[in-house]
Amino acid sequence: MIETGPGPALTPEQQERVVAVAMDLAREGRTAELLEFVDHGLPVDAADHDGNTLLMLAAYRGNAETVDALIARGADVDLRNSRDQSALAGALFKGEEGIVRRLVAAGADLDAGTPSARAAAELFGREHLLQTGLD
């Protein structure tokens, strides 16, 4: 549920559209605009119909500023989508070293999800990214 403050509540269709726009902003790294949505009641861990969160989409696309802002706002770094994939596993898949470092520093669980971050790193030959994240 999106908190709208005083005034009329959003319909389910309107809420779905707001989440879709926010997901696009996260994908595109449009941090300031995305934070306007969060500041006006969109949950920082809002998810699409596949369970992908704002953080997952920003991480997968390598949008460091957006990832930092969402983590600072309290985004859960360990949430997993409907395929049991985490933001960290997605960043590892894409080879996003800076994002991996940020997520690990924020306490992301290296063993959560399917595949886990450790398994994803091994699968894609990117074990060095986890080492970088732990330095």
C-alpha atoms as a PDB file:
ATOM      1  CA  MET A   1       0.000   0.000   0.000  1.00  0.00           C
ATOM      2  CA  ILE A   2       1.268   3.434  -0.909  1.00  0.00           C
ATOM      3  CA  GLU A   3       0.798   6.045   1.798  1.00  0.00           C
ATOM      4  CA  THR A   4      -0.683   9.155   0.196  1.00  0.00           C
ATOM      5  CA  GLY A   5      -1.212  11.317   3.266  1.00  0.00           C
ATOM      6  CA  PRO A   6      -4.310  13.485   3.488  1.00  0.00           C
ATOM      7  CA  GLY A   7      -6.618  13.338   0.517  1.00  0.00           C
ATOM      8  CA  PRO A   8      -8.060  10.550  -1.568  1.00  0.00           C
ATOM      9  CA  ALA A   9      -6.366   7.161  -1.549  1.00  0.00           C
ATOM     10  CA  LEU A  10      -4.975   5.779  -4.783  1.00  0.00           C
ATOM     11  CA  THR A  11      -6.920   3.056  -6.541  1.00  0.00           C
ATOM     12  CA  PRO A  12      -5.157  -0.292  -7.030  1.00  0.00           C
ATOM     13  CA  GLU A  13      -4.663   0.608 -10.693  1.00  0.00           C
ATOM     14  CA  GLN A  14      -3.102   3.951  -9.762  1.00  0.00           C
ATOM     15  CA  GLN A  15      -0.840   2.244  -7.226  1.00  0.00           C
ATOM     16  CA  GLU A  16       0.290  -0.249  -9.869  1.00  0.00           C
ATOM     17  CA  ARG A  17       1.098   2.617 -12.252  1.00  0.00           C
ATOM     18  CA  VAL A  18       3.062   4.511  -9.578  1.00  0.00           C
ATOM     19  CA  VAL A  19       5.134   1.395  -8.856  1.00  0.00           C
ATOM     20  CA  ALA A  20       5.749   0.866 -12.597  1.00  0.00           C
ATOM     21  CA  VAL A  21       6.978   4.447 -13.020  1.00  0.00           C
ATOM     22  CA  ALA A  22       9.211   4.117  -9.950  1.00  0.00           C
ATOM     23  CA  MET A  23      10.672   0.868 -11.303  1.00  0.00           C
ATOM     24  CA  ASP A  24      11.540   2.646 -14.550  1.00  0.00           C
ATOM     25  CA  LEU A  25      13.225   5.444 -12.585  1.00  0.00           C
ATOM     26  CA  ALA A  26      15.288   2.881 -10.648  1.00  0.00           C
ATOM     27  CA  ARG A  27      16.313   1.128 -13.891  1.00  0.00           C
ATOM     28  CA  GLU A  28      17.285   4.435 -15.473  1.00  0.00           C
ATOM     29  CA  GLY A  29      19.199   5.743 -12.455  1.00  0.00           C
ATOM     30  CA  ARG A  30      16.961   8.787 -12.089  1.00  0.00           C
ATOM     31  CA  THR A  31      17.651   9.000  -8.378  1.00  0.00           C
ATOM     32  CA  ALA A  32      16.230  12.418  -7.505  1.00  0.00           C
ATOM     33  CA  GLU A  33      12.923  11.657  -9.204  1.00  0.00           C
ATOM     34  CA  LEU A  34      12.731   8.217  -7.589  1.00  0.00           C
ATOM     35  CA  LEU A  35      13.346   9.682  -4.141  1.00  0.00           C
ATOM     36  CA  GLU A  36      10.428  12.069  -4.683  1.00  0.00           C
ATOM     37  CA  PHE A  37       8.192   8.998  -4.932  1.00  0.00           C
ATOM     38  CA  VAL A  38       9.731   7.500  -1.776  1.00  0.00           C
ATOM     39  CA  ASP A  39       9.410  10.815   0.059  1.00  0.00           C
ATOM     40  CA  HIS A  40       5.724  10.883  -0.837  1.00  0.00           C
ATOM     41  CA  GLY A  41       4.871   7.442   0.501  1.00  0.00           C
ATOM     42  CA  LEU A  42       6.180   4.824  -1.920  1.00  0.00           C
ATOM     43  CA  PRO A  43       7.746   2.065   0.197  1.00  0.00           C
ATOM     44  CA  VAL A  44      11.503   1.904  -0.350  1.00  0.00           C
ATOM     45  CA  ASP A  45      11.107  -1.855  -0.846  1.00  0.00           C
ATOM     46  CA  ALA A  46       8.257  -1.574  -3.356  1.00  0.00           C
ATOM     47  CA  ALA A  47       8.256  -4.519  -5.752  1.00  0.00           C
ATOM     48  CA  ASP A  48       6.843  -5.254  -9.185  1.00  0.00           C
ATOM     49  CA  HIS A  49       4.649  -8.254 -10.050  1.00  0.00           C
ATOM     50  CA  ASP A  50       7.798 -10.438 -10.285  1.00  0.00           C
ATOM     51  CA  GLY A  51       8.995  -9.394  -6.844  1.00  0.00           C
ATOM     52  CA  ASN A  52      11.818  -7.218  -8.181  1.00  0.00           C
ATOM     53  CA  THR A  53      12.482  -4.285  -5.877  1.00  0.00           C
ATOM     54  CA  LEU A  54      13.718  -0.804  -6.699  1.00  0.00           C
ATOM     55  CA  LEU A  55      17.109  -1.795  -5.286  1.00  0.00           C
ATOM     56  CA  MET A  56      17.290  -4.938  -7.427  1.00  0.00           C
ATOM     57  CA  LEU A  57      16.604  -3.028 -10.625  1.00  0.00           C
ATOM     58  CA  ALA A  58      19.054  -0.241  -9.788  1.00  0.00           C
ATOM     59  CA  ALA A  59      21.738  -2.766  -8.834  1.00  0.00           C
ATOM     60  CA  TYR A  60      21.238  -4.860 -11.965  1.00  0.00           C
ATOM     61  CA  ARG A  61      21.592  -1.747 -14.127  1.00  0.00           C
ATOM     62  CA  GLY A  62      24.686  -0.521 -12.265  1.00  0.00           C
ATOM     63  CA  ASN A  63      23.111   2.688 -10.987  1.00  0.00           C
ATOM     64  CA  ALA A  64      25.418   3.373  -8.052  1.00  0.00           C
ATOM     65  CA  GLU A  65      23.871   6.660  -6.943  1.00  0.00           C
ATOM     66  CA  THR A  66      20.419   5.085  -6.869  1.00  0.00           C
ATOM     67  CA  VAL A  67      21.686   2.023  -4.996  1.00  0.00           C
ATOM     68  CA  ASP A  68      23.379   4.262  -2.408  1.00  0.00           C
ATOM     69  CA  ALA A  69      20.252   6.381  -1.972  1.00  0.00           C
ATOM     70  CA  LEU A  70      17.952   3.381  -1.554  1.00  0.00           C
ATOM     71  CA  ILE A  71      20.293   1.759   0.962  1.00  0.00           C
ATOM     72  CA  ALA A  72      20.476   5.062   2.866  1.00  0.00           C
ATOM     73  CA  ARG A  73      16.657   5.119   2.929  1.00  0.00           C
ATOM     74  CA  GLY A  74      16.576   1.652   4.477  1.00  0.00           C
ATOM     75  CA  ALA A  75      16.103  -0.665   1.488  1.00  0.00           C
ATOM     76  CA  ASP A  76      16.421  -4.328   2.472  1.00  0.00           C
ATOM     77  CA  VAL A  77      19.530  -5.616   0.663  1.00  0.00           C
ATOM     78  CA  ASP A  78      18.474  -9.240   1.188  1.00  0.00           C
ATOM     79  CA  LEU A  79      15.014  -9.273  -0.373  1.00  0.00           C
ATOM     80  CA  ARG A  80      14.607 -11.799  -3.171  1.00  0.00           C
ATOM     81  CA  ASN A  81      12.300 -11.798  -6.176  1.00  0.00           C
ATOM     82  CA  SER A  82       9.872 -14.528  -7.234  1.00  0.00           C
ATOM     83  CA  ARG A  83      12.804 -16.475  -8.722  1.00  0.00           C
ATOM     84  CA  ASP A  84      14.632 -16.288  -5.353  1.00  0.00           C
ATOM     85  CA  GLN A  85      17.272 -13.920  -6.791  1.00  0.00           C
ATOM     86  CA  SER A  86      18.824 -11.112  -4.758  1.00  0.00           C
ATOM     87  CA  ALA A  87      20.145  -7.699  -5.765  1.00  0.00           C
ATOM     88  CA  LEU A  88      23.649  -8.958  -5.004  1.00  0.00           C
ATOM     89  CA  ALA A  89      23.322 -11.984  -7.297  1.00  0.00           C
ATOM     90  CA  GLY A  90      22.038  -9.699 -10.070  1.00  0.00           C
ATOM     91  CA  ALA A  91      24.957  -7.306  -9.658  1.00  0.00           C
ATOM     92  CA  LEU A  92      27.376 -10.237  -9.750  1.00  0.00           C
ATOM     93  CA  PHE A  93      25.742 -11.567 -12.914  1.00  0.00           C
ATOM     94  CA  LYS A  94      26.243  -8.180 -14.573  1.00  0.00           C
ATOM     95  CA  GLY A  95      29.813  -7.792 -13.266  1.00  0.00           C
ATOM     96  CA  GLU A  96      28.969  -4.578 -11.407  1.00  0.00           C
ATOM     97  CA  GLU A  97      31.960  -4.408  -9.065  1.00  0.00           C
ATOM     98  CA  GLY A  98      31.026  -1.101  -7.450  1.00  0.00           C
ATOM     99  CA  ILE A  99      27.480  -2.239  -6.797  1.00  0.00           C
ATOM    100  CA  VAL A 100      28.690  -5.540  -5.328  1.00  0.00           C
ATOM    101  CA  ARG A 101      30.985  -3.588  -3.009  1.00  0.00           C
ATOM    102  CA  ARG A 102      28.115  -1.355  -1.872  1.00  0.00           C
ATOM    103  CA  LEU A 103      25.722  -4.239  -1.233  1.00  0.00           C
ATOM    104  CA  VAL A 104      28.284  -6.273   0.697  1.00  0.00           C
ATOM    105  CA  ALA A 105      29.210  -3.198   2.765  1.00  0.00           C
ATOM    106  CA  ALA A 106      25.496  -2.765   3.533  1.00  0.00           C
ATOM    107  CA  GLY A 107      25.406  -6.298   4.928  1.00  0.00           C
ATOM    108  CA  ALA A 108      24.007  -8.314   2.010  1.00  0.00           C
ATOM    109  CA  ASP A 109      23.907 -12.031   2.780  1.00  0.00           C
ATOM    110  CA  LEU A 110      26.344 -13.860   0.486  1.00  0.00           C
ATOM    111  CA  ASP A 111      24.461 -17.128   1.001  1.00  0.00           C
ATOM    112  CA  ALA A 112      20.868 -15.972   0.454  1.00  0.00           C
ATOM    113  CA  GLY A 113      18.880 -16.813  -2.648  1.00  0.00           C
ATOM    114  CA  THR A 114      19.099 -19.197  -5.557  1.00  0.00           C
ATOM    115  CA  PRO A 115      21.715 -18.978  -6.728  1.00  0.00           C
ATOM    116  CA  SER A 116      23.413 -17.446  -3.728  1.00  0.00           C
ATOM    117  CA  ALA A 117      25.888 -14.630  -4.330  1.00  0.00           C
ATOM    118  CA  ARG A 118      28.722 -17.057  -3.709  1.00  0.00           C
ATOM    119  CA  ALA A 119      27.302 -19.532  -6.248  1.00  0.00           C
ATOM    120  CA  ALA A 120      26.608 -16.761  -8.788  1.00  0.00           C
ATOM    121  CA  ALA A 121      30.161 -15.468  -8.448  1.00  0.00           C
ATOM    122  CA  GLU A 122      31.545 -18.946  -9.022  1.00  0.00           C
ATOM    123  CA  LEU A 123      29.149 -19.687 -11.878  1.00  0.00           C
ATOM    124  CA  PHE A 124      30.141 -16.546 -13.782  1.00  0.00           C
ATOM    125  CA  GLY A 125      33.834 -16.631 -12.850  1.00  0.00           C
ATOM    126  CA  ARG A 126      33.509 -13.482 -10.765  1.00  0.00           C
ATOM    127  CA  GLU A 127      34.695 -14.661  -7.368  1.00  0.00           C
ATOM    128  CA  HIS A 128      37.090 -11.703  -7.359  1.00  0.00           C
ATOM    129  CA  LEU A 129      34.105  -9.350  -7.103  1.00  0.00           C
ATOM    130  CA  LEU A 130      33.134 -10.819  -3.747  1.00  0.00           C
ATOM    131  CA  GLN A 131      36.712 -10.448  -2.568  1.00  0.00           C
ATOM    132  CA  THR A 132      36.640  -6.825  -3.705  1.00  0.00           C
ATOM    133  CA  GLY A 133      33.384  -6.365  -1.840  1.00  0.00           C
ATOM    134  CA  LEU A 134      34.896  -7.720   1.340  1.00  0.00           C
ATOM    135  CA  ASP A 135      38.043  -5.580   1.309  1.00  0.00           C
END
